[in-house]
Amino acid sequence: KPEENDMSDLNIDQFIQQTPVEAAYKIQSEQEAIDLAQQLAEKFAQGASERDQKRLLPVNELNEYSQSGLWAIRVPKEYGGLDASYRTVVEVFKTISSADGSLGQIPQNHFAILDTLIFDASNSQKKFFYDLVLKGIRFGNAFSEIGNKHVADFQTKIEKDGQDYIVNGKKFFSTGALLAHWVPIVAVGDDGNVYLAITPRETKGLTIINDWSSFGQKTTASGTIIIENVRVPAEYVVPVKSFENPTPTGAISQILQAAIDAGLARGAIEETIHYVKQYTRPWIDAKQDKATEDHFTIATIGDLKTRLKAAEAVLDLAADQVDLAIKA
């Protein structure tokens, strides 16, 4: 039976600081991004179990993660970014997820938004939002809804009001929104088209409820968002074409999720090996002094690692195809 949780004592108040004081570090190469992810993963792993057990939001860790520059590696070069390949992005996601599944999950929608801007935003919008990301700003997520026919049957509405737009609706499974600086809201206009209204988290009428109570990945803050007459300037509203024409946006979200899953598998296997080395005994008939010398144990661990390596190899091939699709 899942434990009863009092969600009121989570460390939300620590996050009130909002906008970063300093711009995020600018990563110079894809190898530096991979190395930096490894360094952060080793650090994040130290308190991951306690955070998950006590449902402590990874506030400090998240700030360090985004200020490291890793959240900006997909910003195109023409806008001052690294424009990292998806092989590198996948490796970063796997590495962080292997240490802390929640920290691995939270940036998924942020990265998806960065590539949505490539396809759908105007040049001025790209410059504005990419500049924010280079400064360390994080995007959240207000996409999914409950009770609709399918994932793209949005009930959240957006309508023109003078020079602005007004958005009304309700979202759930809003991963990272509580911990974001800006929240992209997916809504449908009177014309039937889909729009992305990107607004600061503290915007009047935007209420983010920390009611996420999951079995795993307990600290992603994937709660409910209430959107009541939220006013968004027209320059922050992006018409989304990816629901009308084939684009790589769906594949991007899928490969990021697959990278998170592969990272979780990597972390689980490494924890299994650690447990076997530290705590297990050999089977009585193994005639070995240590469990790590048991042939059946060795074969089982070998099978797990082989399956993981195969999955990672497929991910790399898929990442190459995503890169080709983006540039097509």
C-alpha atoms as a PDB file:
ATOM      1  CA  LYS A   1       0.000   0.000   0.000  1.00  0.00           C
ATOM      2  CA  PRO A   2       1.456   3.428  -0.897  1.00  0.00           C
ATOM      3  CA  GLU A   3       2.322   5.531   2.112  1.00  0.00           C
ATOM      4  CA  GLU A   4       0.010   8.364   3.095  1.00  0.00           C
ATOM      5  CA  ASN A   5       1.692  11.641   2.236  1.00  0.00           C
ATOM      6  CA  ASP A   6       1.315  15.078   3.718  1.00  0.00           C
ATOM      7  CA  MET A   7       2.252  17.243   0.753  1.00  0.00           C
ATOM      8  CA  SER A   8       2.188  20.420   2.838  1.00  0.00           C
ATOM      9  CA  ASP A   9       5.662  20.029   4.309  1.00  0.00           C
ATOM     10  CA  LEU A  10       7.611  19.928   1.052  1.00  0.00           C
ATOM     11  CA  ASN A  11      10.402  22.466   0.727  1.00  0.00           C
ATOM     12  CA  ILE A  12       8.639  24.729  -1.796  1.00  0.00           C
ATOM     13  CA  ASP A  13       9.382  27.993   0.003  1.00  0.00           C
ATOM     14  CA  GLN A  14      13.104  27.574  -0.640  1.00  0.00           C
ATOM     15  CA  PHE A  15      12.406  28.141  -4.320  1.00  0.00           C
ATOM     16  CA  ILE A  16      10.995  31.659  -4.044  1.00  0.00           C
ATOM     17  CA  GLN A  17      14.323  33.092  -5.309  1.00  0.00           C
ATOM     18  CA  GLN A  18      13.143  32.692  -8.946  1.00  0.00           C
ATOM     19  CA  THR A  19      15.326  34.303 -11.635  1.00  0.00           C
ATOM     20  CA  PRO A  20      19.033  33.360 -11.593  1.00  0.00           C
ATOM     21  CA  VAL A  21      21.326  36.140 -10.432  1.00  0.00           C
ATOM     22  CA  GLU A  22      24.073  35.161 -12.877  1.00  0.00           C
ATOM     23  CA  ALA A  23      23.941  33.773 -16.401  1.00  0.00           C
ATOM     24  CA  ALA A  24      24.447  30.039 -16.744  1.00  0.00           C
ATOM     25  CA  TYR A  25      27.908  28.725 -17.580  1.00  0.00           C
ATOM     26  CA  LYS A  26      28.499  28.441 -21.335  1.00  0.00           C
ATOM     27  CA  ILE A  27      29.623  24.940 -22.292  1.00  0.00           C
ATOM     28  CA  GLN A  28      32.196  24.969 -25.085  1.00  0.00           C
ATOM     29  CA  SER A  29      32.006  21.425 -26.485  1.00  0.00           C
ATOM     30  CA  GLU A  30      29.871  18.305 -26.487  1.00  0.00           C
ATOM     31  CA  GLN A  31      32.547  16.356 -24.617  1.00  0.00           C
ATOM     32  CA  GLU A  32      32.553  19.028 -21.918  1.00  0.00           C
ATOM     33  CA  ALA A  33      28.779  18.605 -21.619  1.00  0.00           C
ATOM     34  CA  ILE A  34      29.156  14.845 -21.126  1.00  0.00           C
ATOM     35  CA  ASP A  35      31.967  15.281 -18.595  1.00  0.00           C
ATOM     36  CA  LEU A  36      30.008  17.908 -16.680  1.00  0.00           C
ATOM     37  CA  ALA A  37      26.928  15.671 -16.575  1.00  0.00           C
ATOM     38  CA  GLN A  38      29.052  12.892 -15.075  1.00  0.00           C
ATOM     39  CA  GLN A  39      30.414  15.216 -12.395  1.00  0.00           C
ATOM     40  CA  LEU A  40      26.934  16.417 -11.477  1.00  0.00           C
ATOM     41  CA  ALA A  41      25.537  12.876 -11.476  1.00  0.00           C
ATOM     42  CA  GLU A  42      28.126  11.756  -8.943  1.00  0.00           C
ATOM     43  CA  LYS A  43      27.165  14.685  -6.732  1.00  0.00           C
ATOM     44  CA  PHE A  44      23.396  14.300  -7.176  1.00  0.00           C
ATOM     45  CA  ALA A  45      23.506  10.580  -6.396  1.00  0.00           C
ATOM     46  CA  GLN A  46      24.643  11.231  -2.838  1.00  0.00           C
ATOM     47  CA  GLY A  47      21.276  12.495  -1.601  1.00  0.00           C
ATOM     48  CA  ALA A  48      18.964  10.957  -4.201  1.00  0.00           C
ATOM     49  CA  SER A  49      17.552   8.187  -2.001  1.00  0.00           C
ATOM     50  CA  GLU A  50      16.809  10.542   0.883  1.00  0.00           C
ATOM     51  CA  ARG A  51      15.145  13.094  -1.403  1.00  0.00           C
ATOM     52  CA  ASP A  52      12.961  10.400  -2.919  1.00  0.00           C
ATOM     53  CA  GLN A  53      12.131   8.810   0.427  1.00  0.00           C
ATOM     54  CA  LYS A  54      11.174  12.097   2.091  1.00  0.00           C
ATOM     55  CA  ARG A  55       9.756  13.746  -1.040  1.00  0.00           C
ATOM     56  CA  LEU A  56      12.202  16.622  -0.791  1.00  0.00           C
ATOM     57  CA  LEU A  57      12.136  18.700  -3.956  1.00  0.00           C
ATOM     58  CA  PRO A  58      15.649  18.893  -5.492  1.00  0.00           C
ATOM     59  CA  VAL A  59      15.733  22.685  -5.341  1.00  0.00           C
ATOM     60  CA  ASN A  60      19.461  23.257  -4.855  1.00  0.00           C
ATOM     61  CA  GLU A  61      20.382  20.426  -7.199  1.00  0.00           C
ATOM     62  CA  LEU A  62      18.097  21.783  -9.911  1.00  0.00           C
ATOM     63  CA  ASN A  63      19.586  25.255  -9.638  1.00  0.00           C
ATOM     64  CA  GLU A  64      23.088  23.814  -9.949  1.00  0.00           C
ATOM     65  CA  TYR A  65      21.974  21.659 -12.884  1.00  0.00           C
ATOM     66  CA  SER A  66      20.535  24.534 -14.935  1.00  0.00           C
ATOM     67  CA  GLN A  67      23.319  26.955 -13.983  1.00  0.00           C
ATOM     68  CA  SER A  68      25.848  24.393 -15.253  1.00  0.00           C
ATOM     69  CA  GLY A  69      24.789  25.267 -18.803  1.00  0.00           C
ATOM     70  CA  LEU A  70      23.503  21.775 -19.589  1.00  0.00           C
ATOM     71  CA  TRP A  71      19.934  23.016 -20.003  1.00  0.00           C
ATOM     72  CA  ALA A  72      21.111  25.285 -22.838  1.00  0.00           C
ATOM     73  CA  ILE A  73      23.097  22.811 -24.961  1.00  0.00           C
ATOM     74  CA  ARG A  74      20.315  22.558 -27.580  1.00  0.00           C
ATOM     75  CA  VAL A  75      20.178  26.316 -28.211  1.00  0.00           C
ATOM     76  CA  PRO A  76      21.160  26.820 -31.890  1.00  0.00           C
ATOM     77  CA  LYS A  77      24.579  28.298 -32.643  1.00  0.00           C
ATOM     78  CA  GLU A  78      23.073  31.303 -34.416  1.00  0.00           C
ATOM     79  CA  TYR A  79      21.466  32.257 -31.103  1.00  0.00           C
ATOM     80  CA  GLY A  80      24.621  31.785 -29.051  1.00  0.00           C
ATOM     81  CA  GLY A  81      24.238  28.137 -28.082  1.00  0.00           C
ATOM     82  CA  LEU A  82      26.161  24.894 -28.551  1.00  0.00           C
ATOM     83  CA  ASP A  83      23.558  23.178 -30.768  1.00  0.00           C
ATOM     84  CA  ALA A  84      24.600  19.823 -29.302  1.00  0.00           C
ATOM     85  CA  SER A  85      23.722  16.635 -31.171  1.00  0.00           C
ATOM     86  CA  TYR A  86      21.034  14.367 -29.798  1.00  0.00           C
ATOM     87  CA  ARG A  87      23.665  11.700 -29.116  1.00  0.00           C
ATOM     88  CA  THR A  88      25.103  14.102 -26.568  1.00  0.00           C
ATOM     89  CA  VAL A  89      21.688  15.113 -25.221  1.00  0.00           C
ATOM     90  CA  VAL A  90      20.787  11.435 -24.786  1.00  0.00           C
ATOM     91  CA  GLU A  91      24.036  10.765 -22.927  1.00  0.00           C
ATOM     92  CA  VAL A  92      23.437  13.719 -20.607  1.00  0.00           C
ATOM     93  CA  PHE A  93      19.903  12.530 -19.839  1.00  0.00           C
ATOM     94  CA  LYS A  94      21.057   8.943 -19.234  1.00  0.00           C
ATOM     95  CA  THR A  95      23.854  10.069 -16.951  1.00  0.00           C
ATOM     96  CA  ILE A  96      21.727  12.339 -14.761  1.00  0.00           C
ATOM     97  CA  SER A  97      18.832   9.844 -14.686  1.00  0.00           C
ATOM     98  CA  SER A  98      21.145   7.070 -13.515  1.00  0.00           C
ATOM     99  CA  ALA A  99      21.859   9.146 -10.406  1.00  0.00           C
ATOM    100  CA  ASP A 100      18.392  10.619  -9.732  1.00  0.00           C
ATOM    101  CA  GLY A 101      15.359   9.708 -11.828  1.00  0.00           C
ATOM    102  CA  SER A 102      13.478  12.861 -10.860  1.00  0.00           C
ATOM    103  CA  LEU A 103      16.324  15.187 -11.828  1.00  0.00           C
ATOM    104  CA  GLY A 104      16.562  13.245 -15.073  1.00  0.00           C
ATOM    105  CA  GLN A 105      12.853  13.711 -15.806  1.00  0.00           C
ATOM    106  CA  ILE A 106      12.338  17.376 -14.951  1.00  0.00           C
ATOM    107  CA  PRO A 107      14.238  18.853 -17.980  1.00  0.00           C
ATOM    108  CA  GLN A 108      12.452  16.700 -20.586  1.00  0.00           C
ATOM    109  CA  ASN A 109       9.775  19.241 -21.452  1.00  0.00           C
ATOM    110  CA  HIS A 110      12.268  22.113 -21.285  1.00  0.00           C
ATOM    111  CA  PHE A 111      14.326  20.463 -24.033  1.00  0.00           C
ATOM    112  CA  ALA A 112      11.210  19.663 -26.065  1.00  0.00           C
ATOM    113  CA  ILE A 113      10.233  23.345 -25.952  1.00  0.00           C
ATOM    114  CA  LEU A 114      13.672  24.410 -27.207  1.00  0.00           C
ATOM    115  CA  ASP A 115      13.164  22.365 -30.363  1.00  0.00           C
ATOM    116  CA  THR A 116       9.522  23.381 -30.755  1.00  0.00           C
ATOM    117  CA  LEU A 117      10.785  26.957 -30.970  1.00  0.00           C
ATOM    118  CA  ILE A 118      13.097  25.936 -33.830  1.00  0.00           C
ATOM    119  CA  PHE A 119      10.135  24.844 -35.956  1.00  0.00           C
ATOM    120  CA  ASP A 120       7.374  27.221 -34.921  1.00  0.00           C
ATOM    121  CA  ALA A 121       8.660  30.463 -33.366  1.00  0.00           C
ATOM    122  CA  SER A 122       9.498  33.700 -35.172  1.00  0.00           C
ATOM    123  CA  ASN A 123      13.105  34.889 -35.223  1.00  0.00           C
ATOM    124  CA  SER A 124      12.396  37.515 -32.571  1.00  0.00           C
ATOM    125  CA  GLN A 125      10.717  34.916 -30.347  1.00  0.00           C
ATOM    126  CA  LYS A 126      13.642  32.543 -30.775  1.00  0.00           C
ATOM    127  CA  LYS A 127      16.113  35.238 -29.800  1.00  0.00           C
ATOM    128  CA  PHE A 128      14.086  36.261 -26.749  1.00  0.00           C
ATOM    129  CA  PHE A 129      13.489  32.774 -25.356  1.00  0.00           C
ATOM    130  CA  TYR A 130      16.917  31.365 -26.218  1.00  0.00           C
ATOM    131  CA  ASP A 131      18.505  34.348 -24.473  1.00  0.00           C
ATOM    132  CA  LEU A 132      16.489  33.455 -21.378  1.00  0.00           C
ATOM    133  CA  VAL A 133      17.722  29.865 -21.488  1.00  0.00           C
ATOM    134  CA  LEU A 134      21.347  30.962 -21.846  1.00  0.00           C
ATOM    135  CA  LYS A 135      20.826  33.000 -18.676  1.00  0.00           C
ATOM    136  CA  GLY A 136      19.749  29.876 -16.786  1.00  0.00           C
ATOM    137  CA  ILE A 137      15.971  30.179 -17.121  1.00  0.00           C
ATOM    138  CA  ARG A 138      14.054  26.884 -16.996  1.00  0.00           C
ATOM    139  CA  PHE A 139      10.850  26.104 -18.910  1.00  0.00           C
ATOM    140  CA  GLY A 140       8.184  23.949 -17.278  1.00  0.00           C
ATOM    141  CA  ASN A 141       5.246  22.093 -18.760  1.00  0.00           C
ATOM    142  CA  ALA A 142       1.492  22.642 -19.066  1.00  0.00           C
ATOM    143  CA  PHE A 143       0.507  20.151 -21.749  1.00  0.00           C
ATOM    144  CA  SER A 144      -1.512  17.144 -20.525  1.00  0.00           C
ATOM    145  CA  GLU A 145      -5.189  17.218 -19.557  1.00  0.00           C
ATOM    146  CA  ILE A 146      -7.598  14.778 -17.905  1.00  0.00           C
ATOM    147  CA  GLY A 147     -10.871  13.624 -19.458  1.00  0.00           C
ATOM    148  CA  ASN A 148     -10.221  14.331 -23.129  1.00  0.00           C
ATOM    149  CA  LYS A 149     -10.496  11.826 -25.987  1.00  0.00           C
ATOM    150  CA  HIS A 150      -6.771  11.683 -26.721  1.00  0.00           C
ATOM    151  CA  VAL A 151      -3.550  13.434 -25.791  1.00  0.00           C
ATOM    152  CA  ALA A 152      -3.993  16.220 -28.370  1.00  0.00           C
ATOM    153  CA  ASP A 153      -7.685  16.878 -27.667  1.00  0.00           C
ATOM    154  CA  PHE A 154      -7.014  20.048 -25.688  1.00  0.00           C
ATOM    155  CA  GLN A 155      -9.777  21.752 -23.722  1.00  0.00           C
ATOM    156  CA  THR A 156      -7.621  24.659 -22.549  1.00  0.00           C
ATOM    157  CA  LYS A 157      -8.672  27.718 -24.574  1.00  0.00           C
ATOM    158  CA  ILE A 158      -6.813  30.800 -25.787  1.00  0.00           C
ATOM    159  CA  GLU A 159      -8.494  33.882 -27.253  1.00  0.00           C
ATOM    160  CA  LYS A 160      -7.310  37.244 -28.517  1.00  0.00           C
ATOM    161  CA  ASP A 161      -7.936  40.269 -26.317  1.00  0.00           C
ATOM    162  CA  GLY A 162      -6.510  43.463 -27.780  1.00  0.00           C
ATOM    163  CA  GLN A 163      -2.734  43.124 -28.003  1.00  0.00           C
ATOM    164  CA  ASP A 164      -2.741  40.124 -25.667  1.00  0.00           C
ATOM    165  CA  TYR A 165      -4.186  36.650 -25.363  1.00  0.00           C
ATOM    166  CA  ILE A 166      -6.295  35.250 -22.519  1.00  0.00           C
ATOM    167  CA  VAL A 167      -5.855  31.598 -21.530  1.00  0.00           C
ATOM    168  CA  ASN A 168      -8.228  29.454 -19.453  1.00  0.00           C
ATOM    169  CA  GLY A 169      -8.066  25.774 -18.575  1.00  0.00           C
ATOM    170  CA  LYS A 170      -6.675  23.080 -16.324  1.00  0.00           C
ATOM    171  CA  LYS A 171      -3.632  20.839 -16.718  1.00  0.00           C
ATOM    172  CA  PHE A 172      -2.250  17.841 -14.885  1.00  0.00           C
ATOM    173  CA  PHE A 173       1.013  15.871 -14.948  1.00  0.00           C
ATOM    174  CA  SER A 174       2.765  19.229 -15.241  1.00  0.00           C
ATOM    175  CA  THR A 175       6.305  17.985 -14.712  1.00  0.00           C
ATOM    176  CA  GLY A 176       8.697  20.691 -13.594  1.00  0.00           C
ATOM    177  CA  ALA A 177       6.234  23.595 -13.742  1.00  0.00           C
ATOM    178  CA  LEU A 178       6.460  24.258 -10.017  1.00  0.00           C
ATOM    179  CA  LEU A 179      10.247  24.375 -10.335  1.00  0.00           C
ATOM    180  CA  ALA A 180      10.344  26.401 -13.557  1.00  0.00           C
ATOM    181  CA  HIS A 181      10.825  30.106 -14.205  1.00  0.00           C
ATOM    182  CA  TRP A 182       8.523  30.180 -17.257  1.00  0.00           C
ATOM    183  CA  VAL A 183       5.590  27.866 -18.042  1.00  0.00           C
ATOM    184  CA  PRO A 184       4.647  27.025 -21.668  1.00  0.00           C
ATOM    185  CA  ILE A 185       0.867  26.420 -21.849  1.00  0.00           C
ATOM    186  CA  VAL A 186      -0.614  24.475 -24.756  1.00  0.00           C
ATOM    187  CA  ALA A 187      -4.071  25.795 -25.698  1.00  0.00           C
ATOM    188  CA  VAL A 188      -6.539  25.821 -28.598  1.00  0.00           C
ATOM    189  CA  GLY A 189      -7.807  28.999 -30.257  1.00  0.00           C
ATOM    190  CA  ASP A 190     -11.223  29.804 -31.708  1.00  0.00           C
ATOM    191  CA  ASP A 191      -9.742  28.936 -35.101  1.00  0.00           C
ATOM    192  CA  GLY A 192      -9.070  25.373 -33.928  1.00  0.00           C
ATOM    193  CA  ASN A 193      -5.312  25.839 -34.093  1.00  0.00           C
ATOM    194  CA  VAL A 194      -2.931  24.954 -31.275  1.00  0.00           C
ATOM    195  CA  TYR A 195      -0.883  27.678 -29.598  1.00  0.00           C
ATOM    196  CA  LEU A 196       1.939  27.727 -27.094  1.00  0.00           C
ATOM    197  CA  ALA A 197       1.536  30.556 -24.581  1.00  0.00           C
ATOM    198  CA  ILE A 198       4.784  30.977 -22.639  1.00  0.00           C
ATOM    199  CA  THR A 199       4.458  32.967 -19.437  1.00  0.00           C
ATOM    200  CA  PRO A 200       6.393  33.563 -16.194  1.00  0.00           C
ATOM    201  CA  ARG A 201       5.515  31.147 -13.403  1.00  0.00           C
ATOM    202  CA  GLU A 202       4.308  33.957 -11.127  1.00  0.00           C
ATOM    203  CA  THR A 203       1.812  35.334 -13.699  1.00  0.00           C
ATOM    204  CA  LYS A 204      -1.526  36.336 -12.159  1.00  0.00           C
ATOM    205  CA  GLY A 205      -4.136  33.614 -12.618  1.00  0.00           C
ATOM    206  CA  LEU A 206      -1.587  30.803 -12.990  1.00  0.00           C
ATOM    207  CA  THR A 207      -1.875  28.482  -9.986  1.00  0.00           C
ATOM    208  CA  ILE A 208       0.463  25.494  -9.674  1.00  0.00           C
ATOM    209  CA  ILE A 209      -0.652  22.901  -7.127  1.00  0.00           C
ATOM    210  CA  ASN A 210       1.914  20.518  -5.692  1.00  0.00           C
ATOM    211  CA  ASP A 211      -0.406  17.485  -5.544  1.00  0.00           C
ATOM    212  CA  TRP A 212       1.925  14.979  -7.203  1.00  0.00           C
ATOM    213  CA  SER A 213       1.856  11.748  -5.174  1.00  0.00           C
ATOM    214  CA  SER A 214       3.532   8.988  -7.139  1.00  0.00           C
ATOM    215  CA  PHE A 215       5.075   5.595  -6.451  1.00  0.00           C
ATOM    216  CA  GLY A 216       8.357   6.522  -8.144  1.00  0.00           C
ATOM    217  CA  GLN A 217      10.092   9.702  -9.293  1.00  0.00           C
ATOM    218  CA  LYS A 218       8.465  11.370  -6.301  1.00  0.00           C
ATOM    219  CA  THR A 219      10.159  14.764  -6.609  1.00  0.00           C
ATOM    220  CA  THR A 220       9.332  15.861 -10.167  1.00  0.00           C
ATOM    221  CA  ALA A 221       6.506  18.109  -8.869  1.00  0.00           C
ATOM    222  CA  SER A 222       4.269  16.857 -11.692  1.00  0.00           C
ATOM    223  CA  GLY A 223       1.132  18.395 -10.240  1.00  0.00           C
ATOM    224  CA  THR A 224      -1.959  20.295 -11.356  1.00  0.00           C
ATOM    225  CA  ILE A 225      -2.106  23.736 -12.982  1.00  0.00           C
ATOM    226  CA  ILE A 226      -5.182  25.968 -12.832  1.00  0.00           C
ATOM    227  CA  ILE A 227      -5.244  28.627 -15.577  1.00  0.00           C
ATOM    228  CA  GLU A 228      -7.745  31.406 -14.883  1.00  0.00           C
ATOM    229  CA  ASN A 229      -7.825  34.379 -17.253  1.00  0.00           C
ATOM    230  CA  VAL A 230      -4.062  34.317 -17.646  1.00  0.00           C
ATOM    231  CA  ARG A 231      -3.032  37.271 -19.802  1.00  0.00           C
ATOM    232  CA  VAL A 232      -0.128  36.596 -22.159  1.00  0.00           C
ATOM    233  CA  PRO A 233       1.401  39.231 -24.492  1.00  0.00           C
ATOM    234  CA  ALA A 234       1.163  38.329 -28.182  1.00  0.00           C
ATOM    235  CA  GLU A 235       4.952  38.173 -28.513  1.00  0.00           C
ATOM    236  CA  TYR A 236       4.964  35.252 -26.042  1.00  0.00           C
ATOM    237  CA  VAL A 237       2.417  33.220 -28.018  1.00  0.00           C
ATOM    238  CA  VAL A 238       3.728  30.719 -30.586  1.00  0.00           C
ATOM    239  CA  PRO A 239       1.421  29.068 -33.175  1.00  0.00           C
ATOM    240  CA  VAL A 240       2.268  25.350 -33.073  1.00  0.00           C
ATOM    241  CA  LYS A 241       2.411  23.670 -36.491  1.00  0.00           C
ATOM    242  CA  SER A 242       3.657  20.262 -35.328  1.00  0.00           C
ATOM    243  CA  PHE A 243       0.073  19.025 -34.854  1.00  0.00           C
ATOM    244  CA  GLU A 244      -0.713  19.826 -38.481  1.00  0.00           C
ATOM    245  CA  ASN A 245       2.428  18.703 -40.331  1.00  0.00           C
ATOM    246  CA  PRO A 246       4.979  15.948 -39.698  1.00  0.00           C
ATOM    247  CA  THR A 247       7.883  17.245 -37.585  1.00  0.00           C
ATOM    248  CA  PRO A 248      10.458  15.582 -35.315  1.00  0.00           C
ATOM    249  CA  THR A 249       8.856  17.026 -32.156  1.00  0.00           C
ATOM    250  CA  GLY A 250       7.124  13.773 -31.225  1.00  0.00           C
ATOM    251  CA  ALA A 251      10.296  11.779 -31.779  1.00  0.00           C
ATOM    252  CA  ILE A 252      12.234  14.284 -29.660  1.00  0.00           C
ATOM    253  CA  SER A 253       9.947  13.787 -26.660  1.00  0.00           C
ATOM    254  CA  GLN A 254      10.080  10.020 -27.134  1.00  0.00           C
ATOM    255  CA  ILE A 255      13.851   9.759 -27.372  1.00  0.00           C
ATOM    256  CA  LEU A 256      14.284  11.927 -24.276  1.00  0.00           C
ATOM    257  CA  GLN A 257      11.934   9.621 -22.351  1.00  0.00           C
ATOM    258  CA  ALA A 258      13.795   6.573 -23.663  1.00  0.00           C
ATOM    259  CA  ALA A 259      17.081   8.135 -22.523  1.00  0.00           C
ATOM    260  CA  ILE A 260      15.619   8.672 -19.043  1.00  0.00           C
ATOM    261  CA  ASP A 261      14.500   5.032 -18.946  1.00  0.00           C
ATOM    262  CA  ALA A 262      17.929   3.826 -20.065  1.00  0.00           C
ATOM    263  CA  GLY A 263      19.527   5.961 -17.369  1.00  0.00           C
ATOM    264  CA  LEU A 264      17.211   4.506 -14.734  1.00  0.00           C
ATOM    265  CA  ALA A 265      18.186   1.019 -15.917  1.00  0.00           C
ATOM    266  CA  ARG A 266      21.869   1.916 -15.762  1.00  0.00           C
ATOM    267  CA  GLY A 267      21.499   3.204 -12.214  1.00  0.00           C
ATOM    268  CA  ALA A 268      19.511   0.136 -11.130  1.00  0.00           C
ATOM    269  CA  ILE A 269      22.130  -2.245 -12.524  1.00  0.00           C
ATOM    270  CA  GLU A 270      24.974  -0.366 -10.857  1.00  0.00           C
ATOM    271  CA  GLU A 271      23.093  -0.433  -7.536  1.00  0.00           C
ATOM    272  CA  THR A 272      22.523  -4.172  -7.998  1.00  0.00           C
ATOM    273  CA  ILE A 273      26.238  -4.759  -8.532  1.00  0.00           C
ATOM    274  CA  HIS A 274      27.040  -2.671  -5.450  1.00  0.00           C
ATOM    275  CA  TYR A 275      24.551  -4.668  -3.373  1.00  0.00           C
ATOM    276  CA  VAL A 276      25.947  -8.001  -4.571  1.00  0.00           C
ATOM    277  CA  LYS A 277      29.490  -6.916  -3.735  1.00  0.00           C
ATOM    278  CA  GLN A 278      28.623  -5.575  -0.296  1.00  0.00           C
ATOM    279  CA  TYR A 279      25.849  -7.733   1.101  1.00  0.00           C
ATOM    280  CA  THR A 280      25.129 -11.006  -0.680  1.00  0.00           C
ATOM    281  CA  ARG A 281      26.541 -14.461   0.001  1.00  0.00           C
ATOM    282  CA  PRO A 282      27.295 -17.187  -2.537  1.00  0.00           C
ATOM    283  CA  TRP A 283      24.786 -20.017  -2.943  1.00  0.00           C
ATOM    284  CA  ILE A 284      25.716 -23.061  -0.893  1.00  0.00           C
ATOM    285  CA  ASP A 285      26.360 -25.216  -3.975  1.00  0.00           C
ATOM    286  CA  ALA A 286      28.407 -22.558  -5.775  1.00  0.00           C
ATOM    287  CA  LYS A 287      31.576 -23.580  -3.950  1.00  0.00           C
ATOM    288  CA  GLN A 288      32.798 -19.984  -4.097  1.00  0.00           C
ATOM    289  CA  ASP A 289      33.975 -17.636  -1.361  1.00  0.00           C
ATOM    290  CA  LYS A 290      32.114 -14.580  -2.676  1.00  0.00           C
ATOM    291  CA  ALA A 291      28.786 -14.013  -4.391  1.00  0.00           C
ATOM    292  CA  THR A 292      30.615 -12.089  -7.105  1.00  0.00           C
ATOM    293  CA  GLU A 293      32.402 -15.332  -8.027  1.00  0.00           C
ATOM    294  CA  ASP A 294      29.163 -17.297  -8.436  1.00  0.00           C
ATOM    295  CA  HIS A 295      28.839 -18.220 -12.124  1.00  0.00           C
ATOM    296  CA  PHE A 296      25.046 -17.786 -12.116  1.00  0.00           C
ATOM    297  CA  THR A 297      25.345 -14.333 -10.541  1.00  0.00           C
ATOM    298  CA  ILE A 298      27.996 -13.342 -13.079  1.00  0.00           C
ATOM    299  CA  ALA A 299      25.806 -14.602 -15.936  1.00  0.00           C
ATOM    300  CA  THR A 300      22.752 -12.719 -14.666  1.00  0.00           C
ATOM    301  CA  ILE A 301      24.613  -9.425 -14.271  1.00  0.00           C
ATOM    302  CA  GLY A 302      26.237  -9.957 -17.660  1.00  0.00           C
ATOM    303  CA  ASP A 303      22.835 -10.482 -19.266  1.00  0.00           C
ATOM    304  CA  LEU A 304      21.500  -7.269 -17.713  1.00  0.00           C
ATOM    305  CA  LYS A 305      24.492  -5.222 -18.862  1.00  0.00           C
ATOM    306  CA  THR A 306      24.328  -6.709 -22.362  1.00  0.00           C
ATOM    307  CA  ARG A 307      20.671  -5.751 -22.668  1.00  0.00           C
ATOM    308  CA  LEU A 308      21.470  -2.239 -21.439  1.00  0.00           C
ATOM    309  CA  LYS A 309      24.335  -1.838 -23.914  1.00  0.00           C
ATOM    310  CA  ALA A 310      22.038  -2.960 -26.731  1.00  0.00           C
ATOM    311  CA  ALA A 311      19.381  -0.436 -25.694  1.00  0.00           C
ATOM    312  CA  GLU A 312      21.974   2.341 -25.517  1.00  0.00           C
ATOM    313  CA  ALA A 313      23.292   1.431 -28.975  1.00  0.00           C
ATOM    314  CA  VAL A 314      19.781   1.656 -30.430  1.00  0.00           C
ATOM    315  CA  LEU A 315      19.313   5.007 -28.682  1.00  0.00           C
ATOM    316  CA  ASP A 316      22.459   6.364 -30.327  1.00  0.00           C
ATOM    317  CA  LEU A 317      21.217   5.289 -33.752  1.00  0.00           C
ATOM    318  CA  ALA A 318      17.824   6.861 -33.067  1.00  0.00           C
ATOM    319  CA  ALA A 319      19.520  10.077 -31.910  1.00  0.00           C
ATOM    320  CA  ASP A 320      21.349  10.300 -35.233  1.00  0.00           C
ATOM    321  CA  GLN A 321      18.026  10.023 -37.065  1.00  0.00           C
ATOM    322  CA  VAL A 322      16.494  12.760 -34.903  1.00  0.00           C
ATOM    323  CA  ASP A 323      19.390  15.066 -35.795  1.00  0.00           C
ATOM    324  CA  LEU A 324      18.889  14.339 -39.496  1.00  0.00           C
ATOM    325  CA  ALA A 325      15.147  15.015 -39.212  1.00  0.00           C
ATOM    326  CA  ILE A 326      15.714  18.361 -37.482  1.00  0.00           C
ATOM    327  CA  LYS A 327      18.078  19.496 -40.227  1.00  0.00           C
ATOM    328  CA  ALA A 328      15.901  18.208 -43.086  1.00  0.00           C
END
